Amino acid sequence: LDRRLAFEPNDRPSAEEALAVPYFKGLAKVERKPSASQL
C-alpha cells in the first residue's frame, strides 16, 4: 500500500511488479500473465 500510494508515479510499482510482491505469493503466476506496454 505504501508503495502503491507513492506521490511520485515513478516510485509506484507496475501491476506486474505489485503482483510479484510476497503479499501475493501463491495468488498469481506473474510469468503466465501477458504484459502490456506502457500507455
Full PDB file with SEQRES, HELIX, SHEET, SSBOND, CRYST1, ORIGX, SCALE, CONECT and MASTER records, all heavy atoms in Angstrom:
SEQRES   1 A   39  LEU ASP ARG ARG LEU ALA PHE GLU PRO ASN ASP ARG PRO          
SEQRES   2 A   39  SER ALA GLU GLU ALA LEU ALA VAL PRO TYR PHE LYS GLY          
SEQRES   3 A   39  LEU ALA LYS VAL GLU ARG LYS PRO SER ALA SER GLN LEU          
HELIX    1 AA1 PRO A    9  ASP A   11  5                                   3    
HELIX    2 AA2 ALA A   15  LEU A   19  1                                   5    
HELIX    3 AA3 PRO A   22  PHE A   24  5                                   3    
HELIX    4 AA4 VAL A   30  ARG A   32  5                                   3    
CRYST1    1.000    1.000    1.000  90.00  90.00  90.00 P 1           1          
ORIGX1      1.000000  0.000000  0.000000        0.00000                         
ORIGX2      0.000000  1.000000  0.000000        0.00000                         
ORIGX3      0.000000  0.000000  1.000000        0.00000                         
SCALE1      1.000000  0.000000  0.000000        0.00000                         
SCALE2      0.000000  1.000000  0.000000        0.00000                         
SCALE3      0.000000  0.000000  1.000000        0.00000                         
ATOM      1  N   LEU A   1       0.834  -1.205   0.000  1.00  0.00           N  
ATOM      2  CA  LEU A   1       0.000   0.000   0.000  1.00  0.00           C  
ATOM      3  C   LEU A   1       0.868   1.253   0.000  1.00  0.00           C  
ATOM      4  O   LEU A   1       0.606   2.201  -0.743  1.00  0.00           O  
ATOM      5  CB  LEU A   1      -0.926  -0.014   1.209  1.00  0.00           C  
ATOM      6  CG  LEU A   1      -1.931   1.121   1.325  1.00  0.00           C  
ATOM      7  CD1 LEU A   1      -2.907   1.112   0.159  1.00  0.00           C  
ATOM      8  CD2 LEU A   1      -2.673   1.021   2.652  1.00  0.00           C  
ATOM      9  N   ASP A   2       1.898   1.241   0.817  1.00  0.00           N  
ATOM     10  CA  ASP A   2       2.821   2.376   0.883  1.00  0.00           C  
ATOM     11  C   ASP A   2       3.449   2.646  -0.482  1.00  0.00           C  
ATOM     12  O   ASP A   2       3.531   3.794  -0.924  1.00  0.00           O  
ATOM     13  CB  ASP A   2       3.896   2.087   1.930  1.00  0.00           C  
ATOM     14  CG  ASP A   2       4.831   3.261   2.127  1.00  0.00           C  
ATOM     15  OD1 ASP A   2       4.339   4.382   2.362  1.00  0.00           O  
ATOM     16  OD2 ASP A   2       6.059   3.047   2.056  1.00  0.00           O  
ATOM     17  N   ARG A   3       3.856   1.590  -1.156  1.00  0.00           N  
ATOM     18  CA  ARG A   3       4.484   1.759  -2.474  1.00  0.00           C  
ATOM     19  C   ARG A   3       3.470   2.186  -3.534  1.00  0.00           C  
ATOM     20  O   ARG A   3       3.770   3.008  -4.398  1.00  0.00           O  
ATOM     21  CB  ARG A   3       5.165   0.465  -2.901  1.00  0.00           C  
ATOM     22  CG  ARG A   3       6.386   0.146  -2.039  1.00  0.00           C  
ATOM     23  CD  ARG A   3       7.129  -1.078  -2.526  1.00  0.00           C  
ATOM     24  NE  ARG A   3       7.609  -0.864  -3.877  1.00  0.00           N  
ATOM     25  CZ  ARG A   3       7.664  -1.839  -4.792  1.00  0.00           C  
ATOM     26  NH1 ARG A   3       7.289  -3.054  -4.503  1.00  0.00           N  
ATOM     27  NH2 ARG A   3       8.109  -1.574  -6.006  1.00  0.00           N  
ATOM     28  N   ARG A   4       2.258   1.637  -3.496  1.00  0.00           N  
ATOM     29  CA  ARG A   4       1.235   1.955  -4.497  1.00  0.00           C  
ATOM     30  C   ARG A   4       0.722   3.394  -4.359  1.00  0.00           C  
ATOM     31  O   ARG A   4       0.283   3.984  -5.331  1.00  0.00           O  
ATOM     32  CB  ARG A   4       0.048   0.983  -4.400  1.00  0.00           C  
ATOM     33  CG  ARG A   4       0.348  -0.431  -4.824  1.00  0.00           C  
ATOM     34  CD  ARG A   4       0.645  -0.579  -6.296  1.00  0.00           C  
ATOM     35  NE  ARG A   4      -0.483  -0.152  -7.091  1.00  0.00           N  
ATOM     36  CZ  ARG A   4      -0.376   0.352  -8.310  1.00  0.00           C  
ATOM     37  NH1 ARG A   4       0.793   0.486  -8.892  1.00  0.00           N  
ATOM     38  NH2 ARG A   4      -1.439   0.727  -8.973  1.00  0.00           N  
ATOM     39  N   LEU A   5       0.766   3.947  -3.150  1.00  0.00           N  
ATOM     40  CA  LEU A   5       0.264   5.302  -2.922  1.00  0.00           C  
ATOM     41  C   LEU A   5       1.361   6.359  -2.946  1.00  0.00           C  
ATOM     42  O   LEU A   5       1.139   7.492  -2.539  1.00  0.00           O  
ATOM     43  CB  LEU A   5      -0.496   5.362  -1.590  1.00  0.00           C  
ATOM     44  CG  LEU A   5      -1.786   4.555  -1.541  1.00  0.00           C  
ATOM     45  CD1 LEU A   5      -2.419   4.654  -0.156  1.00  0.00           C  
ATOM     46  CD2 LEU A   5      -2.766   4.999  -2.615  1.00  0.00           C  
ATOM     47  N   ALA A   6       2.525   6.007  -3.441  1.00  0.00           N  
ATOM     48  CA  ALA A   6       3.627   6.971  -3.530  1.00  0.00           C  
ATOM     49  C   ALA A   6       3.199   8.171  -4.381  1.00  0.00           C  
ATOM     50  O   ALA A   6       2.517   8.013  -5.402  1.00  0.00           O  
ATOM     51  CB  ALA A   6       4.863   6.313  -4.135  1.00  0.00           C  
ATOM     52  N   PHE A   7       3.587   9.366  -3.976  1.00  0.00           N  
ATOM     53  CA  PHE A   7       3.236  10.581  -4.719  1.00  0.00           C  
ATOM     54  C   PHE A   7       3.863  10.565  -6.106  1.00  0.00           C  
ATOM     55  O   PHE A   7       3.225  10.907  -7.090  1.00  0.00           O  
ATOM     56  CB  PHE A   7       3.681  11.828  -3.946  1.00  0.00           C  
ATOM     57  CG  PHE A   7       3.316  13.106  -4.650  1.00  0.00           C  
ATOM     58  CD1 PHE A   7       2.023  13.604  -4.579  1.00  0.00           C  
ATOM     59  CD2 PHE A   7       4.263  13.795  -5.389  1.00  0.00           C  
ATOM     60  CE1 PHE A   7       1.680  14.775  -5.246  1.00  0.00           C  
ATOM     61  CE2 PHE A   7       3.930  14.966  -6.053  1.00  0.00           C  
ATOM     62  CZ  PHE A   7       2.629  15.458  -5.978  1.00  0.00           C  
ATOM     63  N   GLU A   8       5.106  10.171  -6.172  1.00  0.00           N  
ATOM     64  CA  GLU A   8       5.837  10.162  -7.447  1.00  0.00           C  
ATOM     65  C   GLU A   8       5.454   8.921  -8.257  1.00  0.00           C  
ATOM     66  O   GLU A   8       5.654   7.796  -7.805  1.00  0.00           O  
ATOM     67  CB  GLU A   8       7.349  10.134  -7.194  1.00  0.00           C  
ATOM     68  CG  GLU A   8       7.860  11.328  -6.433  1.00  0.00           C  
ATOM     69  CD  GLU A   8       8.530  12.335  -7.328  1.00  0.00           C  
ATOM     70  OE1 GLU A   8       8.346  12.289  -8.553  1.00  0.00           O  
ATOM     71  OE2 GLU A   8       9.246  13.169  -6.788  1.00  0.00           O  
ATOM     72  N   PRO A   9       4.898   9.107  -9.451  1.00  0.00           N  
ATOM     73  CA  PRO A   9       4.500   7.951 -10.261  1.00  0.00           C  
ATOM     74  C   PRO A   9       5.630   6.952 -10.502  1.00  0.00           C  
ATOM     75  O   PRO A   9       5.393   5.744 -10.511  1.00  0.00           O  
ATOM     76  CB  PRO A   9       4.035   8.579 -11.580  1.00  0.00           C  
ATOM     77  CG  PRO A   9       3.659   9.979 -11.221  1.00  0.00           C  
ATOM     78  CD  PRO A   9       4.584  10.368 -10.086  1.00  0.00           C  
ATOM     79  N   ASN A  10       6.852   7.439 -10.656  1.00  0.00           N  
ATOM     80  CA  ASN A  10       7.975   6.538 -10.910  1.00  0.00           C  
ATOM     81  C   ASN A  10       8.329   5.681  -9.699  1.00  0.00           C  
ATOM     82  O   ASN A  10       9.049   4.695  -9.824  1.00  0.00           O  
ATOM     83  CB  ASN A  10       9.201   7.314 -11.373  1.00  0.00           C  
ATOM     84  CG  ASN A  10       9.007   7.902 -12.755  1.00  0.00           C  
ATOM     85  OD1 ASN A  10       8.224   7.401 -13.560  1.00  0.00           O  
ATOM     86  ND2 ASN A  10       9.706   8.980 -13.034  1.00  0.00           N  
ATOM     87  N   ASP A  11       7.846   6.064  -8.525  1.00  0.00           N  
ATOM     88  CA  ASP A  11       8.104   5.290  -7.311  1.00  0.00           C  
ATOM     89  C   ASP A  11       7.064   4.192  -7.088  1.00  0.00           C  
ATOM     90  O   ASP A  11       7.217   3.359  -6.206  1.00  0.00           O  
ATOM     91  CB  ASP A  11       8.130   6.197  -6.076  1.00  0.00           C  
ATOM     92  CG  ASP A  11       9.313   7.141  -6.075  1.00  0.00           C  
ATOM     93  OD1 ASP A  11      10.294   6.872  -6.813  1.00  0.00           O  
ATOM     94  OD2 ASP A  11       9.270   8.146  -5.345  1.00  0.00           O  
ATOM     95  N   ARG A  12       5.989   4.209  -7.874  1.00  0.00           N  
ATOM     96  CA  ARG A  12       4.927   3.209  -7.733  1.00  0.00           C  
ATOM     97  C   ARG A  12       5.262   1.976  -8.557  1.00  0.00           C  
ATOM     98  O   ARG A  12       5.726   2.093  -9.688  1.00  0.00           O  
ATOM     99  CB  ARG A  12       3.599   3.778  -8.228  1.00  0.00           C  
ATOM    100  CG  ARG A  12       3.142   4.977  -7.469  1.00  0.00           C  
ATOM    101  CD  ARG A  12       1.839   5.510  -8.058  1.00  0.00           C  
ATOM    102  NE  ARG A  12       1.711   6.912  -7.721  1.00  0.00           N  
ATOM    103  CZ  ARG A  12       1.200   7.833  -8.517  1.00  0.00           C  
ATOM    104  NH1 ARG A  12       0.739   7.510  -9.714  1.00  0.00           N  
ATOM    105  NH2 ARG A  12       1.137   9.082  -8.121  1.00  0.00           N  
ATOM    106  N   PRO A  13       5.012   0.792  -8.006  1.00  0.00           N  
ATOM    107  CA  PRO A  13       5.262  -0.415  -8.796  1.00  0.00           C  
ATOM    108  C   PRO A  13       4.195  -0.572  -9.880  1.00  0.00           C  
ATOM    109  O   PRO A  13       3.054  -0.135  -9.716  1.00  0.00           O  
ATOM    110  CB  PRO A  13       5.160  -1.539  -7.768  1.00  0.00           C  
ATOM    111  CG  PRO A  13       4.247  -1.005  -6.716  1.00  0.00           C  
ATOM    112  CD  PRO A  13       4.513   0.485  -6.665  1.00  0.00           C  
ATOM    113  N   SER A  14       4.586  -1.192 -10.978  1.00  0.00           N  
ATOM    114  CA  SER A  14       3.615  -1.514 -12.018  1.00  0.00           C  
ATOM    115  C   SER A  14       2.704  -2.622 -11.479  1.00  0.00           C  
ATOM    116  O   SER A  14       2.986  -3.229 -10.427  1.00  0.00           O  
ATOM    117  CB  SER A  14       4.343  -2.008 -13.268  1.00  0.00           C  
ATOM    118  OG  SER A  14       4.984  -3.252 -12.987  1.00  0.00           O  
ATOM    119  N   ALA A  15       1.643  -2.916 -12.182  1.00  0.00           N  
ATOM    120  CA  ALA A  15       0.751  -4.002 -11.760  1.00  0.00           C  
ATOM    121  C   ALA A  15       1.533  -5.315 -11.695  1.00  0.00           C  
ATOM    122  O   ALA A  15       1.373  -6.107 -10.754  1.00  0.00           O  
ATOM    123  CB  ALA A  15      -0.424  -4.111 -12.716  1.00  0.00           C  
ATOM    124  N   GLU A  16       2.376  -5.541 -12.679  1.00  0.00           N  
ATOM    125  CA  GLU A  16       3.183  -6.765 -12.719  1.00  0.00           C  
ATOM    126  C   GLU A  16       4.123  -6.833 -11.508  1.00  0.00           C  
ATOM    127  O   GLU A  16       4.241  -7.871 -10.862  1.00  0.00           O  
ATOM    128  CB  GLU A  16       3.988  -6.796 -14.019  1.00  0.00           C  
ATOM    129  CG  GLU A  16       4.716  -8.087 -14.254  1.00  0.00           C  
ATOM    130  CD  GLU A  16       5.360  -8.117 -15.629  1.00  0.00           C  
ATOM    131  OE1 GLU A  16       5.104  -7.238 -16.464  1.00  0.00           O  
ATOM    132  OE2 GLU A  16       6.131  -9.072 -15.853  1.00  0.00           O  
ATOM    133  N   GLU A  17       4.768  -5.720 -11.184  1.00  0.00           N  
ATOM    134  CA  GLU A  17       5.658  -5.686 -10.021  1.00  0.00           C  
ATOM    135  C   GLU A  17       4.870  -5.875  -8.727  1.00  0.00           C  
ATOM    136  O   GLU A  17       5.313  -6.578  -7.817  1.00  0.00           O  
ATOM    137  CB  GLU A  17       6.410  -4.358  -9.972  1.00  0.00           C  
ATOM    138  CG  GLU A  17       7.422  -4.187 -11.074  1.00  0.00           C  
ATOM    139  CD  GLU A  17       7.924  -2.752 -11.199  1.00  0.00           C  
ATOM    140  OE1 GLU A  17       7.235  -1.811 -10.785  1.00  0.00           O  
ATOM    141  OE2 GLU A  17       9.039  -2.597 -11.745  1.00  0.00           O  
ATOM    142  N   ALA A  18       3.688  -5.271  -8.652  1.00  0.00           N  
ATOM    143  CA  ALA A  18       2.871  -5.399  -7.448  1.00  0.00           C  
ATOM    144  C   ALA A  18       2.437  -6.845  -7.231  1.00  0.00           C  
ATOM    145  O   ALA A  18       2.442  -7.345  -6.107  1.00  0.00           O  
ATOM    146  CB  ALA A  18       1.651  -4.482  -7.534  1.00  0.00           C  
ATOM    147  N   LEU A  19       2.072  -7.533  -8.307  1.00  0.00           N  
ATOM    148  CA  LEU A  19       1.656  -8.933  -8.183  1.00  0.00           C  
ATOM    149  C   LEU A  19       2.802  -9.846  -7.772  1.00  0.00           C  
ATOM    150  O   LEU A  19       2.565 -10.941  -7.258  1.00  0.00           O  
ATOM    151  CB  LEU A  19       1.044  -9.426  -9.492  1.00  0.00           C  
ATOM    152  CG  LEU A  19      -0.355  -8.911  -9.800  1.00  0.00           C  
ATOM    153  CD1 LEU A  19      -0.780  -9.315 -11.196  1.00  0.00           C  
ATOM    154  CD2 LEU A  19      -1.344  -9.412  -8.758  1.00  0.00           C  
ATOM    155  N   ALA A  20       4.033  -9.393  -7.979  1.00  0.00           N  
ATOM    156  CA  ALA A  20       5.199 -10.218  -7.663  1.00  0.00           C  
ATOM    157  C   ALA A  20       5.665 -10.069  -6.211  1.00  0.00           C  
ATOM    158  O   ALA A  20       6.572 -10.786  -5.792  1.00  0.00           O  
ATOM    159  CB  ALA A  20       6.349  -9.874  -8.616  1.00  0.00           C  
ATOM    160  N   VAL A  21       5.051  -9.175  -5.428  1.00  0.00           N  
ATOM    161  CA  VAL A  21       5.482  -8.979  -4.044  1.00  0.00           C  
ATOM    162  C   VAL A  21       5.045 -10.165  -3.182  1.00  0.00           C  
ATOM    163  O   VAL A  21       4.095 -10.866  -3.512  1.00  0.00           O  
ATOM    164  CB  VAL A  21       4.966  -7.648  -3.442  1.00  0.00           C  
ATOM    165  CG1 VAL A  21       5.442  -6.457  -4.252  1.00  0.00           C  
ATOM    166  CG2 VAL A  21       3.470  -7.646  -3.304  1.00  0.00           C  
ATOM    167  N   PRO A  22       5.735 -10.384  -2.070  1.00  0.00           N  
ATOM    168  CA  PRO A  22       5.422 -11.537  -1.212  1.00  0.00           C  
ATOM    169  C   PRO A  22       3.969 -11.598  -0.735  1.00  0.00           C  
ATOM    170  O   PRO A  22       3.442 -12.692  -0.516  1.00  0.00           O  
ATOM    171  CB  PRO A  22       6.371 -11.370  -0.025  1.00  0.00           C  
ATOM    172  CG  PRO A  22       7.511 -10.572  -0.562  1.00  0.00           C  
ATOM    173  CD  PRO A  22       6.922  -9.673  -1.603  1.00  0.00           C  
ATOM    174  N   TYR A  23       3.300 -10.472  -0.611  1.00  0.00           N  
ATOM    175  CA  TYR A  23       1.910 -10.480  -0.149  1.00  0.00           C  
ATOM    176  C   TYR A  23       1.022 -11.326  -1.059  1.00  0.00           C  
ATOM    177  O   TYR A  23       0.081 -11.975  -0.613  1.00  0.00           O  
ATOM    178  CB  TYR A  23       1.379  -9.046  -0.074  1.00  0.00           C  
ATOM    179  CG  TYR A  23      -0.055  -8.967   0.394  1.00  0.00           C  
ATOM    180  CD1 TYR A  23      -0.384  -9.218   1.728  1.00  0.00           C  
ATOM    181  CD2 TYR A  23      -1.083  -8.657  -0.483  1.00  0.00           C  
ATOM    182  CE1 TYR A  23      -1.696  -9.158   2.167  1.00  0.00           C  
ATOM    183  CE2 TYR A  23      -2.396  -8.589  -0.051  1.00  0.00           C  
ATOM    184  CZ  TYR A  23      -2.693  -8.850   1.273  1.00  0.00           C  
ATOM    185  OH  TYR A  23      -3.998  -8.787   1.695  1.00  0.00           O  
ATOM    186  N   PHE A  24       1.311 -11.339  -2.346  1.00  0.00           N  
ATOM    187  CA  PHE A  24       0.505 -12.079  -3.317  1.00  0.00           C  
ATOM    188  C   PHE A  24       1.083 -13.449  -3.655  1.00  0.00           C  
ATOM    189  O   PHE A  24       0.604 -14.103  -4.578  1.00  0.00           O  
ATOM    190  CB  PHE A  24       0.342 -11.267  -4.606  1.00  0.00           C  
ATOM    191  CG  PHE A  24      -0.522 -10.055  -4.447  1.00  0.00           C  
ATOM    192  CD1 PHE A  24      -0.019  -8.794  -4.710  1.00  0.00           C  
ATOM    193  CD2 PHE A  24      -1.843 -10.161  -4.031  1.00  0.00           C  
ATOM    194  CE1 PHE A  24      -0.815  -7.667  -4.566  1.00  0.00           C  
ATOM    195  CE2 PHE A  24      -2.645  -9.041  -3.881  1.00  0.00           C  
ATOM    196  CZ  PHE A  24      -2.131  -7.796  -4.153  1.00  0.00           C  
ATOM    197  N   LYS A  25       2.085 -13.883  -2.922  1.00  0.00           N  
ATOM    198  CA  LYS A  25       2.720 -15.168  -3.220  1.00  0.00           C  
ATOM    199  C   LYS A  25       1.664 -16.275  -3.257  1.00  0.00           C  
ATOM    200  O   LYS A  25       0.855 -16.414  -2.356  1.00  0.00           O  
ATOM    201  CB  LYS A  25       3.775 -15.503  -2.165  1.00  0.00           C  
ATOM    202  CG  LYS A  25       4.543 -16.751  -2.495  1.00  0.00           C  
ATOM    203  CD  LYS A  25       5.643 -16.998  -1.500  1.00  0.00           C  
ATOM    204  CE  LYS A  25       6.389 -18.248  -1.955  1.00  0.00           C  
ATOM    205  NZ  LYS A  25       7.555 -18.469  -1.158  1.00  0.00           N  
ATOM    206  N   GLY A  26       1.678 -17.034  -4.318  1.00  0.00           N  
ATOM    207  CA  GLY A  26       0.743 -18.137  -4.479  1.00  0.00           C  
ATOM    208  C   GLY A  26      -0.585 -17.726  -5.069  1.00  0.00           C  
ATOM    209  O   GLY A  26      -1.378 -18.578  -5.452  1.00  0.00           O  
ATOM    210  N   LEU A  27      -0.857 -16.446  -5.161  1.00  0.00           N  
ATOM    211  CA  LEU A  27      -2.134 -15.992  -5.693  1.00  0.00           C  
ATOM    212  C   LEU A  27      -2.121 -15.925  -7.215  1.00  0.00           C  
ATOM    213  O   LEU A  27      -3.069 -16.320  -7.866  1.00  0.00           O  
ATOM    214  CB  LEU A  27      -2.484 -14.616  -5.120  1.00  0.00           C  
ATOM    215  CG  LEU A  27      -3.792 -14.000  -5.602  1.00  0.00           C  
ATOM    216  CD1 LEU A  27      -4.975 -14.837  -5.117  1.00  0.00           C  
ATOM    217  CD2 LEU A  27      -3.941 -12.578  -5.093  1.00  0.00           C  
ATOM    218  N   ALA A  28      -1.036 -15.434  -7.758  1.00  0.00           N  
ATOM    219  CA  ALA A  28      -0.956 -15.265  -9.210  1.00  0.00           C  
ATOM    220  C   ALA A  28       0.391 -15.760  -9.707  1.00  0.00           C  
ATOM    221  O   ALA A  28       1.391 -15.686  -9.011  1.00  0.00           O  
ATOM    222  CB  ALA A  28      -1.125 -13.797  -9.580  1.00  0.00           C  
ATOM    223  N   LYS A  29       0.379 -16.278 -10.895  1.00  0.00           N  
ATOM    224  CA  LYS A  29       1.617 -16.683 -11.548  1.00  0.00           C  
ATOM    225  C   LYS A  29       1.949 -15.587 -12.566  1.00  0.00           C  
ATOM    226  O   LYS A  29       1.476 -15.608 -13.687  1.00  0.00           O  
ATOM    227  CB  LYS A  29       1.453 -18.034 -12.220  1.00  0.00           C  
ATOM    228  CG  LYS A  29       1.142 -19.153 -11.247  1.00  0.00           C  
ATOM    229  CD  LYS A  29       1.646 -20.470 -11.772  1.00  0.00           C  
ATOM    230  CE  LYS A  29       1.373 -21.577 -10.816  1.00  0.00           C  
ATOM    231  NZ  LYS A  29       2.151 -21.554  -9.633  1.00  0.00           N  
ATOM    232  N   VAL A  30       2.755 -14.628 -12.122  1.00  0.00           N  
ATOM    233  CA  VAL A  30       3.070 -13.448 -12.924  1.00  0.00           C  
ATOM    234  C   VAL A  30       3.664 -13.834 -14.268  1.00  0.00           C  
ATOM    235  O   VAL A  30       3.350 -13.234 -15.288  1.00  0.00           O  
ATOM    236  CB  VAL A  30       4.029 -12.507 -12.152  1.00  0.00           C  
ATOM    237  CG1 VAL A  30       4.458 -11.346 -13.017  1.00  0.00           C  
ATOM    238  CG2 VAL A  30       3.368 -12.027 -10.883  1.00  0.00           C  
ATOM    239  N   GLU A  31       4.486 -14.867 -14.277  1.00  0.00           N  
ATOM    240  CA  GLU A  31       5.140 -15.254 -15.525  1.00  0.00           C  
ATOM    241  C   GLU A  31       4.141 -15.744 -16.576  1.00  0.00           C  
ATOM    242  O   GLU A  31       4.434 -15.767 -17.755  1.00  0.00           O  
ATOM    243  CB  GLU A  31       6.218 -16.323 -15.264  1.00  0.00           C  
ATOM    244  CG  GLU A  31       5.692 -17.651 -14.736  1.00  0.00           C  
ATOM    245  CD  GLU A  31       5.449 -17.684 -13.231  1.00  0.00           C  
ATOM    246  OE1 GLU A  31       5.696 -16.679 -12.547  1.00  0.00           O  
ATOM    247  OE2 GLU A  31       5.003 -18.733 -12.750  1.00  0.00           O  
ATOM    248  N   ARG A  32       2.929 -16.105 -16.168  1.00  0.00           N  
ATOM    249  CA  ARG A  32       1.917 -16.586 -17.114  1.00  0.00           C  
ATOM    250  C   ARG A  32       0.997 -15.473 -17.585  1.00  0.00           C  
ATOM    251  O   ARG A  32       0.195 -15.669 -18.479  1.00  0.00           O  
ATOM    252  CB  ARG A  32       1.080 -17.685 -16.463  1.00  0.00           C  
ATOM    253  CG  ARG A  32       1.873 -18.946 -16.240  1.00  0.00           C  
ATOM    254  CD  ARG A  32       1.074 -20.051 -15.610  1.00  0.00           C  
ATOM    255  NE  ARG A  32      -0.300 -20.092 -16.086  1.00  0.00           N  
ATOM    256  CZ  ARG A  32      -1.265 -20.732 -15.440  1.00  0.00           C  
ATOM    257  NH1 ARG A  32      -1.024 -21.344 -14.311  1.00  0.00           N  
ATOM    258  NH2 ARG A  32      -2.489 -20.744 -15.919  1.00  0.00           N  
ATOM    259  N   LYS A  33       1.077 -14.326 -16.982  1.00  0.00           N  
ATOM    260  CA  LYS A  33       0.197 -13.214 -17.336  1.00  0.00           C  
ATOM    261  C   LYS A  33       0.821 -12.408 -18.474  1.00  0.00           C  
ATOM    262  O   LYS A  33       2.009 -12.135 -18.467  1.00  0.00           O  
ATOM    263  CB  LYS A  33      -0.030 -12.277 -16.141  1.00  0.00           C  
ATOM    264  CG  LYS A  33      -0.578 -12.959 -14.923  1.00  0.00           C  
ATOM    265  CD  LYS A  33      -2.010 -13.297 -15.111  1.00  0.00           C  
ATOM    266  CE  LYS A  33      -2.543 -13.916 -13.827  1.00  0.00           C  
ATOM    267  NZ  LYS A  33      -3.546 -14.899 -14.041  1.00  0.00           N  
ATOM    268  N   PRO A  34      -0.002 -12.022 -19.455  1.00  0.00           N  
ATOM    269  CA  PRO A  34       0.544 -11.163 -20.520  1.00  0.00           C  
ATOM    270  C   PRO A  34       0.882  -9.794 -19.954  1.00  0.00           C  
ATOM    271  O   PRO A  34       0.221  -9.303 -19.045  1.00  0.00           O  
ATOM    272  CB  PRO A  34      -0.600 -11.075 -21.530  1.00  0.00           C  
ATOM    273  CG  PRO A  34      -1.826 -11.413 -20.770  1.00  0.00           C  
ATOM    274  CD  PRO A  34      -1.406 -12.313 -19.631  1.00  0.00           C  
ATOM    275  N   SER A  35       1.923  -9.219 -20.482  1.00  0.00           N  
ATOM    276  CA  SER A  35       2.358  -7.902 -20.032  1.00  0.00           C  
ATOM    277  C   SER A  35       2.043  -6.897 -21.120  1.00  0.00           C  
ATOM    278  O   SER A  35       2.241  -7.167 -22.299  1.00  0.00           O  
ATOM    279  CB  SER A  35       3.860  -7.945 -19.781  1.00  0.00           C  
ATOM    280  OG  SER A  35       4.214  -7.032 -18.805  1.00  0.00           O  
ATOM    281  N   ALA A  36       1.546  -5.749 -20.744  1.00  0.00           N  
ATOM    282  CA  ALA A  36       1.220  -4.703 -21.712  1.00  0.00           C  
ATOM    283  C   ALA A  36       2.337  -3.677 -21.742  1.00  0.00           C  
ATOM    284  O   ALA A  36       3.029  -3.474 -20.752  1.00  0.00           O  
ATOM    285  CB  ALA A  36      -0.092  -4.027 -21.330  1.00  0.00           C  
ATOM    286  N   SER A  37       2.473  -3.038 -22.879  1.00  0.00           N  
ATOM    287  CA  SER A  37       3.446  -1.949 -22.941  1.00  0.00           C  
ATOM    288  C   SER A  37       2.854  -0.737 -22.249  1.00  0.00           C  
ATOM    289  O   SER A  37       1.642  -0.617 -22.089  1.00  0.00           O  
ATOM    290  CB  SER A  37       3.795  -1.629 -24.393  1.00  0.00           C  
ATOM    291  OG  SER A  37       2.628  -1.233 -25.085  1.00  0.00           O  
ATOM    292  N   GLN A  38       3.717   0.179 -21.841  1.00  0.00           N  
ATOM    293  CA  GLN A  38       3.269   1.375 -21.137  1.00  0.00           C  
ATOM    294  C   GLN A  38       2.429   2.243 -22.061  1.00  0.00           C  
ATOM    295  O   GLN A  38       2.736   2.398 -23.239  1.00  0.00           O  
ATOM    296  CB  GLN A  38       4.465   2.167 -20.633  1.00  0.00           C  
ATOM    297  CG  GLN A  38       4.059   3.319 -19.756  1.00  0.00           C  
ATOM    298  CD  GLN A  38       5.256   3.982 -19.103  1.00  0.00           C  
ATOM    299  OE1 GLN A  38       6.382   3.575 -19.304  1.00  0.00           O  
ATOM    300  NE2 GLN A  38       5.004   4.996 -18.323  1.00  0.00           N  
ATOM    301  N   LEU A  39       1.350   2.768 -21.516  1.00  0.00           N  
ATOM    302  CA  LEU A  39       0.483   3.649 -22.290  1.00  0.00           C  
ATOM    303  C   LEU A  39       1.184   4.962 -22.592  1.00  0.00           C  
ATOM    304  O   LEU A  39       1.987   5.436 -21.804  1.00  0.00           O  
ATOM    305  CB  LEU A  39      -0.799   3.941 -21.515  1.00  0.00           C  
ATOM    306  CG  LEU A  39      -1.710   2.757 -21.244  1.00  0.00           C  
ATOM    307  CD1 LEU A  39      -2.865   3.195 -20.350  1.00  0.00           C  
ATOM    308  CD2 LEU A  39      -2.240   2.180 -22.533  1.00  0.00           C  
TER     309      LEU A  39                                                      
MASTER        0    0    0    4    0    0    0    6  308    1    0    3          
END                                                                             
